[in-house]
Amino acid sequence: MLTALGLLSLLSVTGTAPLTAGQPATDSDRPRVEVWTDRGDDPYQSGQGARVHFRADRDAYVTILRVDTDGRVRALFPREPWEDNFARGGREYEVQGGSDRDAFYVDDYPGVGYVFAVASADPFVYDPLESNEHWDYRTIADGRVRGDPYVALTDLAQRIVPDGYDDWDYDIVPYYVQQHYDYPRFLCYDCHSYVSYPFWSPYDYTCVRFRIVVYDDPYYYPYRYFDGTRVVFTRPARPEPRFIFRDRQGSDAFITRVRERPVNDDRRRDVGVRGRDLGGTGVIPPPDIRRPHERPVTGDQGHDDGRGRGRQHPERRDRPDNPQNPDRPERR
């Protein structure tokens, strides 16, 4: 009898032993995080302030990044890597800007950007992304995302958690500028060389060589809590690309939408045609690029009526195509 009780006690202890560092995390160990903007699916207009909220289901450390419509990455929370980023579980937080309530100011080109949140049960390791206690965006591909944002951002999240660490989760929400778009403009920079919006837009001049396959898989939907009125899908920790380049025939549409990936898809790891398959990132000139013509210089320049004073110059300092801007992507 005593022997049987001893065996039962041993089984109960070993069955409830905590996870060790070498064991994989389960869903119950991983904090859930949700991030959203004040506009939801409604587009922003240039000059508007954007407000960002987030919530974790349990105590967690949170990092929130913004990828603007041109692919540039900036940290929204914490503003500096040394600031407190601990969030209490179940509490709603609003990301504060530097001097006002808005998390960021919408100065993007027309397109779709992303707000990306990462929640971890343990503190992040920001060393790969900081320098002298400030964010160093040059360490993030010169501050720019190219290609599929879901893959790029989750790869970035893995850089700020310890190797082999699994107790983290993410959420990603798009925001639109001017109108709704099917894909981010920086998706094309993986194959095409970078050209600023005033000179070329991937939404106006489609590529004759490639088409874009967009997976509308439920895994890519953000977490939302609607009191049981909507199914909540759990995204994979390491998502496959949502936007994939394929060869395009003359009769093919530029965008092909697929409701979800096949369950038994032998080509799940196939990401389609990428820049590296063609000799390097950004080696193909954009199609049908139209550069503005120079006005002839004559002796009579006419009067200045001031109609061009309010226009934004394409070489202004806060744009990545400015040669003096360190965030400018490398041309190859």
Protein backbone atom coordinates (compact mmCIF):
# COMPACT_ATOMS: atom_id res chain seq x y z
CA MET A 1 0.00 0.00 0.00
CA LEU A 2 2.75 2.43 0.94
CA THR A 3 4.63 1.48 -2.20
CA ALA A 4 1.59 2.28 -4.37
CA LEU A 5 1.11 5.64 -2.68
CA GLY A 6 4.77 6.45 -3.25
CA LEU A 7 4.46 5.68 -6.97
CA LEU A 8 1.35 7.87 -7.26
CA SER A 9 3.14 10.75 -5.55
CA LEU A 10 6.07 10.41 -7.91
CA LEU A 11 3.82 10.44 -10.98
CA SER A 12 1.95 13.54 -9.78
CA VAL A 13 5.19 15.45 -9.24
CA THR A 14 6.74 14.52 -12.56
CA GLY A 15 3.50 15.26 -14.39
CA THR A 16 3.43 18.85 -13.18
CA ALA A 17 7.13 19.60 -13.49
CA PRO A 18 7.79 23.03 -15.05
CA LEU A 19 9.23 23.41 -18.53
CA THR A 20 12.98 23.61 -18.74
CA ALA A 21 14.87 25.95 -21.03
CA GLY A 22 15.36 23.20 -23.58
CA GLN A 23 11.68 22.29 -23.89
CA PRO A 24 9.41 23.94 -26.48
CA ALA A 25 6.78 26.36 -25.26
CA THR A 26 3.10 25.51 -25.47
CA ASP A 27 0.27 27.86 -26.40
CA SER A 28 -0.55 28.26 -22.71
CA ASP A 29 2.94 29.67 -22.05
CA ARG A 30 2.82 32.20 -24.88
CA PRO A 31 1.23 35.62 -24.26
CA ARG A 32 -1.32 36.78 -26.80
CA VAL A 33 -1.16 40.35 -28.07
CA GLU A 34 -3.61 42.43 -30.07
CA VAL A 35 -2.86 45.76 -31.77
CA TRP A 36 -5.23 48.10 -33.62
CA THR A 37 -5.48 51.65 -34.93
CA ASP A 38 -8.18 54.25 -34.43
CA ARG A 39 -9.20 54.12 -38.11
CA GLY A 40 -9.51 50.36 -38.49
CA ASP A 41 -9.95 49.61 -42.19
CA ASP A 42 -10.76 53.24 -43.05
CA PRO A 43 -7.90 54.94 -44.93
CA TYR A 44 -5.93 57.82 -43.45
CA GLN A 45 -5.34 61.02 -45.35
CA SER A 46 -2.00 62.75 -45.50
CA GLY A 47 -1.45 64.93 -42.46
CA GLN A 48 -3.65 62.96 -40.09
CA GLY A 49 -2.45 61.67 -36.75
CA ALA A 50 -2.73 57.93 -36.13
CA ARG A 51 -3.55 56.50 -32.72
CA VAL A 52 -2.43 52.97 -31.84
CA HIS A 53 -3.76 50.72 -29.06
CA PHE A 54 -2.65 47.32 -27.84
CA ARG A 55 -3.57 44.72 -25.25
CA ALA A 56 -1.92 41.51 -24.01
CA ASP A 57 -3.90 38.72 -22.38
CA ARG A 58 -1.33 38.37 -19.59
CA ASP A 59 1.63 40.28 -18.20
CA ALA A 60 4.17 40.66 -21.00
CA TYR A 61 6.90 42.79 -22.50
CA VAL A 62 5.71 44.48 -25.69
CA THR A 63 7.46 45.99 -28.70
CA ILE A 64 5.52 47.82 -31.42
CA LEU A 65 7.00 48.75 -34.80
CA ARG A 66 5.62 50.71 -37.71
CA VAL A 67 6.42 49.98 -41.35
CA ASP A 68 5.31 52.92 -43.47
CA THR A 69 4.01 52.58 -47.02
CA ASP A 70 7.54 52.94 -48.36
CA GLY A 71 8.86 50.09 -46.19
CA ARG A 72 10.70 52.21 -43.62
CA VAL A 73 10.78 50.73 -40.10
CA ARG A 74 10.36 52.84 -36.96
CA ALA A 75 9.80 51.90 -33.31
CA LEU A 76 6.57 53.19 -31.76
CA PHE A 77 6.85 51.44 -28.38
CA PRO A 78 9.10 51.78 -26.56
CA ARG A 79 10.29 55.07 -28.08
CA GLU A 80 13.82 54.32 -26.91
CA PRO A 81 15.22 50.85 -26.18
CA TRP A 82 15.89 51.72 -22.54
CA GLU A 83 12.29 52.78 -21.78
CA ASP A 84 9.84 50.58 -19.89
CA ASN A 85 7.85 48.26 -22.15
CA PHE A 86 6.13 46.06 -19.57
CA ALA A 87 2.34 45.73 -19.98
CA ARG A 88 -0.17 44.30 -17.51
CA GLY A 89 -2.34 41.52 -18.83
CA GLY A 90 -5.91 42.39 -19.84
CA ARG A 91 -5.29 46.15 -19.75
CA GLU A 92 -5.70 48.33 -22.85
CA TYR A 93 -2.79 50.67 -23.61
CA GLU A 94 -2.49 53.58 -26.02
CA VAL A 95 0.87 54.28 -27.64
CA GLN A 96 1.89 57.87 -26.99
CA GLY A 97 3.87 59.97 -29.43
CA GLY A 98 6.78 62.16 -28.55
CA SER A 99 4.76 65.28 -27.66
CA ASP A 100 1.10 64.47 -28.29
CA ARG A 101 -1.43 61.68 -28.11
CA ASP A 102 -0.96 60.44 -31.67
CA ALA A 103 1.39 57.49 -32.06
CA PHE A 104 2.66 58.77 -35.40
CA TYR A 105 1.96 61.36 -38.06
CA VAL A 106 0.78 60.07 -41.44
CA ASP A 107 3.22 61.51 -43.97
CA ASP A 108 3.35 58.37 -46.13
CA TYR A 109 3.02 58.04 -49.87
CA PRO A 110 -0.31 56.45 -50.92
CA GLY A 111 -0.24 52.74 -50.13
CA VAL A 112 -0.53 50.28 -47.27
CA GLY A 113 1.68 50.25 -44.17
CA TYR A 114 1.74 47.98 -41.13
CA VAL A 115 1.78 48.19 -37.35
CA PHE A 116 3.50 45.17 -35.84
CA ALA A 117 3.33 44.16 -32.16
CA VAL A 118 5.46 41.53 -30.41
CA ALA A 119 4.73 40.26 -26.89
CA SER A 120 7.21 38.21 -24.87
CA ALA A 121 7.02 36.56 -21.48
CA ASP A 122 10.60 37.71 -20.82
CA PRO A 123 12.45 40.96 -21.59
CA PHE A 124 13.61 41.57 -25.14
CA VAL A 125 17.24 41.76 -26.17
CA TYR A 126 17.51 44.97 -28.19
CA ASP A 127 21.29 44.84 -28.64
CA PRO A 128 21.11 43.93 -32.37
CA LEU A 129 18.92 46.99 -33.07
CA GLU A 130 20.42 49.70 -30.88
CA SER A 131 23.51 51.87 -30.69
CA ASN A 132 24.42 54.23 -27.84
CA GLU A 133 21.04 53.57 -26.18
CA HIS A 134 19.08 54.63 -29.29
CA TRP A 135 17.44 52.65 -32.07
CA ASP A 136 19.82 52.05 -34.96
CA TYR A 137 17.63 51.52 -37.99
CA ARG A 138 20.63 50.94 -40.23
CA THR A 139 20.80 47.44 -38.75
CA ILE A 140 17.37 46.65 -40.24
CA ALA A 141 18.35 46.43 -43.93
CA ASP A 142 19.18 50.16 -43.90
CA GLY A 143 15.88 50.83 -42.16
CA ARG A 144 13.69 49.40 -44.90
CA VAL A 145 11.57 46.28 -45.35
CA ARG A 146 11.62 44.67 -48.78
CA GLY A 147 9.40 41.84 -49.91
CA ASP A 148 6.69 40.15 -47.86
CA PRO A 149 6.04 42.07 -44.59
CA TYR A 150 4.76 39.04 -42.65
CA VAL A 151 8.01 37.16 -43.14
CA ALA A 152 10.25 40.22 -42.74
CA LEU A 153 8.66 41.36 -39.47
CA THR A 154 8.58 37.96 -37.81
CA ASP A 155 12.22 37.50 -38.82
CA LEU A 156 12.91 40.85 -37.17
CA ALA A 157 11.11 39.71 -34.00
CA GLN A 158 13.39 36.70 -33.79
CA ARG A 159 16.37 39.06 -33.61
CA ILE A 160 15.20 40.58 -30.32
CA VAL A 161 14.41 37.33 -28.49
CA PRO A 162 17.04 34.81 -27.33
CA ASP A 163 18.00 32.01 -29.70
CA GLY A 164 15.55 29.14 -29.46
CA TYR A 165 13.08 31.19 -27.39
CA ASP A 166 9.42 30.41 -28.10
CA ASP A 167 7.42 32.31 -25.45
CA TRP A 168 6.51 35.18 -27.78
CA ASP A 169 3.60 36.08 -30.00
CA TYR A 170 2.82 38.76 -32.56
CA ASP A 171 0.00 40.67 -34.17
CA ILE A 172 0.06 42.72 -37.35
CA VAL A 173 -2.50 45.19 -38.62
CA PRO A 174 -2.41 47.14 -41.90
CA TYR A 175 -3.20 50.82 -42.25
CA TYR A 176 -4.07 52.48 -45.52
CA VAL A 177 -3.15 55.90 -46.87
CA GLN A 178 -5.51 57.60 -49.33
CA GLN A 179 -7.41 54.40 -50.27
CA HIS A 180 -7.39 50.61 -49.96
CA TYR A 181 -4.61 48.73 -51.73
CA ASP A 182 -4.16 45.00 -52.29
CA TYR A 183 -0.46 44.84 -51.50
CA PRO A 184 2.32 47.09 -50.15
CA ARG A 185 4.28 49.11 -52.68
CA PHE A 186 7.57 47.97 -51.11
CA LEU A 187 6.72 44.39 -52.09
CA CYS A 188 8.02 45.17 -55.57
CA TYR A 189 11.39 46.44 -54.35
CA ASP A 190 12.55 42.87 -53.90
CA CYS A 191 12.74 42.58 -57.69
CA HIS A 192 12.50 46.16 -58.97
CA SER A 193 14.92 48.95 -58.25
CA TYR A 194 13.62 51.63 -55.91
CA VAL A 195 12.01 54.71 -57.43
CA SER A 196 10.10 57.26 -55.38
CA TYR A 197 6.36 57.70 -55.70
CA PRO A 198 6.38 60.97 -57.71
CA PHE A 199 8.18 59.11 -60.52
CA TRP A 200 6.59 55.66 -60.45
CA SER A 201 3.81 53.84 -58.64
CA PRO A 202 3.37 50.04 -58.69
CA TYR A 203 -0.37 50.64 -58.41
CA ASP A 204 -0.49 52.54 -61.71
CA TYR A 205 2.03 50.62 -63.83
CA THR A 206 1.81 46.86 -63.38
CA CYS A 207 4.64 44.53 -64.28
CA VAL A 208 4.37 42.52 -67.51
CA ARG A 209 6.82 39.88 -66.28
CA PHE A 210 5.36 38.95 -62.89
CA ARG A 211 1.99 38.58 -61.23
CA ILE A 212 1.28 38.73 -57.50
CA VAL A 213 -0.51 35.89 -55.71
CA VAL A 214 -2.25 37.15 -52.56
CA TYR A 215 -3.23 34.54 -49.98
CA ASP A 216 -6.32 35.63 -48.04
CA ASP A 217 -5.67 32.88 -45.52
CA PRO A 218 -7.39 33.19 -42.10
CA TYR A 219 -3.95 32.88 -40.51
CA TYR A 220 -3.19 36.41 -41.67
CA TYR A 221 -6.25 37.96 -40.02
CA PRO A 222 -5.50 39.93 -36.85
CA TYR A 223 -6.66 38.72 -33.46
CA ARG A 224 -9.97 40.35 -32.53
CA TYR A 225 -12.30 39.83 -29.58
CA PHE A 226 -15.91 40.23 -30.72
CA ASP A 227 -17.75 38.31 -27.99
CA GLY A 228 -18.08 35.15 -30.03
CA THR A 229 -19.42 36.81 -33.17
CA ARG A 230 -16.29 35.97 -35.15
CA VAL A 231 -13.97 32.99 -35.20
CA VAL A 232 -10.48 33.78 -33.88
CA PHE A 233 -7.77 32.05 -35.89
CA THR A 234 -4.34 31.29 -34.49
CA ARG A 235 -1.59 32.30 -36.87
CA PRO A 236 1.56 30.19 -37.15
CA ALA A 237 4.58 31.40 -35.21
CA ARG A 238 6.61 31.49 -38.44
CA PRO A 239 4.22 32.43 -41.25
CA GLU A 240 4.70 31.62 -44.88
CA PRO A 241 4.71 34.61 -47.27
CA ARG A 242 1.31 36.09 -47.95
CA PHE A 243 2.41 37.84 -51.17
CA ILE A 244 4.18 35.70 -53.77
CA PHE A 245 5.57 36.57 -57.21
CA ARG A 246 4.80 34.19 -60.06
CA ASP A 247 5.61 34.28 -63.76
CA ARG A 248 2.99 36.16 -65.73
CA GLN A 249 1.61 35.24 -69.12
CA GLY A 250 0.11 37.81 -71.43
CA SER A 251 -3.47 36.93 -70.50
CA ASP A 252 -2.89 36.69 -66.74
CA ALA A 253 -4.25 39.30 -64.36
CA PHE A 254 -1.64 41.14 -62.33
CA ILE A 255 -3.18 40.06 -59.00
CA THR A 256 -4.45 36.56 -58.23
CA ARG A 257 -6.27 36.10 -54.92
CA VAL A 258 -6.36 32.73 -53.18
CA ARG A 259 -8.71 32.25 -50.23
CA GLU A 260 -6.29 30.02 -48.34
CA ARG A 261 -3.29 27.80 -48.87
CA PRO A 262 -3.89 24.13 -49.71
CA VAL A 263 -3.68 21.90 -46.65
CA ASN A 264 -1.29 19.46 -48.34
CA ASP A 265 0.74 21.91 -50.37
CA ASP A 266 4.11 20.45 -51.35
CA ARG A 267 5.25 23.92 -52.43
CA ARG A 268 4.55 25.75 -49.17
CA ARG A 269 8.20 26.73 -48.89
CA ASP A 270 8.26 27.97 -52.49
CA VAL A 271 8.07 31.75 -52.30
CA GLY A 272 8.01 32.25 -56.05
CA VAL A 273 10.30 34.49 -58.05
CA ARG A 274 12.45 36.73 -55.86
CA GLY A 275 15.13 39.31 -56.46
CA ARG A 276 17.94 36.92 -55.56
CA ASP A 277 16.75 34.57 -58.31
CA LEU A 278 17.32 37.32 -60.85
CA GLY A 279 20.81 38.41 -59.87
CA GLY A 280 20.17 40.42 -56.72
CA THR A 281 17.66 42.64 -54.97
CA GLY A 282 16.40 45.54 -57.06
CA VAL A 283 18.16 44.71 -60.34
CA ILE A 284 15.12 45.08 -62.61
CA PRO A 285 14.08 48.63 -63.54
CA PRO A 286 10.43 49.46 -62.80
CA PRO A 287 8.15 49.08 -65.83
CA ASP A 288 6.91 52.11 -67.77
CA ILE A 289 8.71 54.59 -65.56
CA ARG A 290 7.90 58.17 -66.49
CA ARG A 291 10.22 60.87 -65.30
CA PRO A 292 9.16 64.51 -65.45
CA HIS A 293 10.53 66.56 -68.33
CA GLU A 294 12.68 69.57 -67.61
CA ARG A 295 11.23 72.90 -68.61
CA PRO A 296 13.41 74.76 -71.11
CA VAL A 297 15.36 77.61 -69.59
CA THR A 298 14.78 80.92 -71.37
CA GLY A 299 15.66 84.48 -70.65
CA ASP A 300 12.15 85.25 -69.46
CA GLN A 301 11.31 83.07 -66.47
CA GLY A 302 7.92 84.67 -65.99
CA HIS A 303 6.45 85.72 -62.68
CA ASP A 304 6.24 83.55 -59.59
CA ASP A 305 2.58 83.21 -58.69
CA GLY A 306 3.33 80.97 -55.71
CA ARG A 307 1.28 78.04 -56.96
CA GLY A 308 4.12 75.57 -56.40
CA ARG A 309 5.14 76.69 -52.96
CA GLY A 310 2.99 74.19 -51.06
CA ARG A 311 4.04 71.15 -53.07
CA GLN A 312 6.23 68.55 -51.50
CA HIS A 313 9.57 68.20 -53.22
CA PRO A 314 10.49 64.58 -54.04
CA GLU A 315 13.99 65.15 -52.63
CA ARG A 316 12.86 66.46 -49.25
CA ARG A 317 14.88 65.26 -46.29
CA ASP A 318 12.35 62.89 -44.77
CA ARG A 319 12.09 60.72 -47.86
CA PRO A 320 14.34 57.71 -48.32
CA ASP A 321 15.24 58.65 -51.90
CA ASN A 322 17.14 61.70 -50.67
CA PRO A 323 20.86 61.02 -51.28
CA GLN A 324 21.70 62.63 -47.93
CA ASN A 325 19.27 60.46 -45.97
CA PRO A 326 20.97 57.46 -44.27
CA ASP A 327 17.71 55.49 -44.51
CA ARG A 328 17.91 55.53 -48.27
CA PRO A 329 18.08 51.96 -49.61
CA GLU A 330 21.20 50.85 -51.37
CA ARG A 331 20.89 50.90 -55.13
CA ARG A 332 22.15 47.76 -56.79
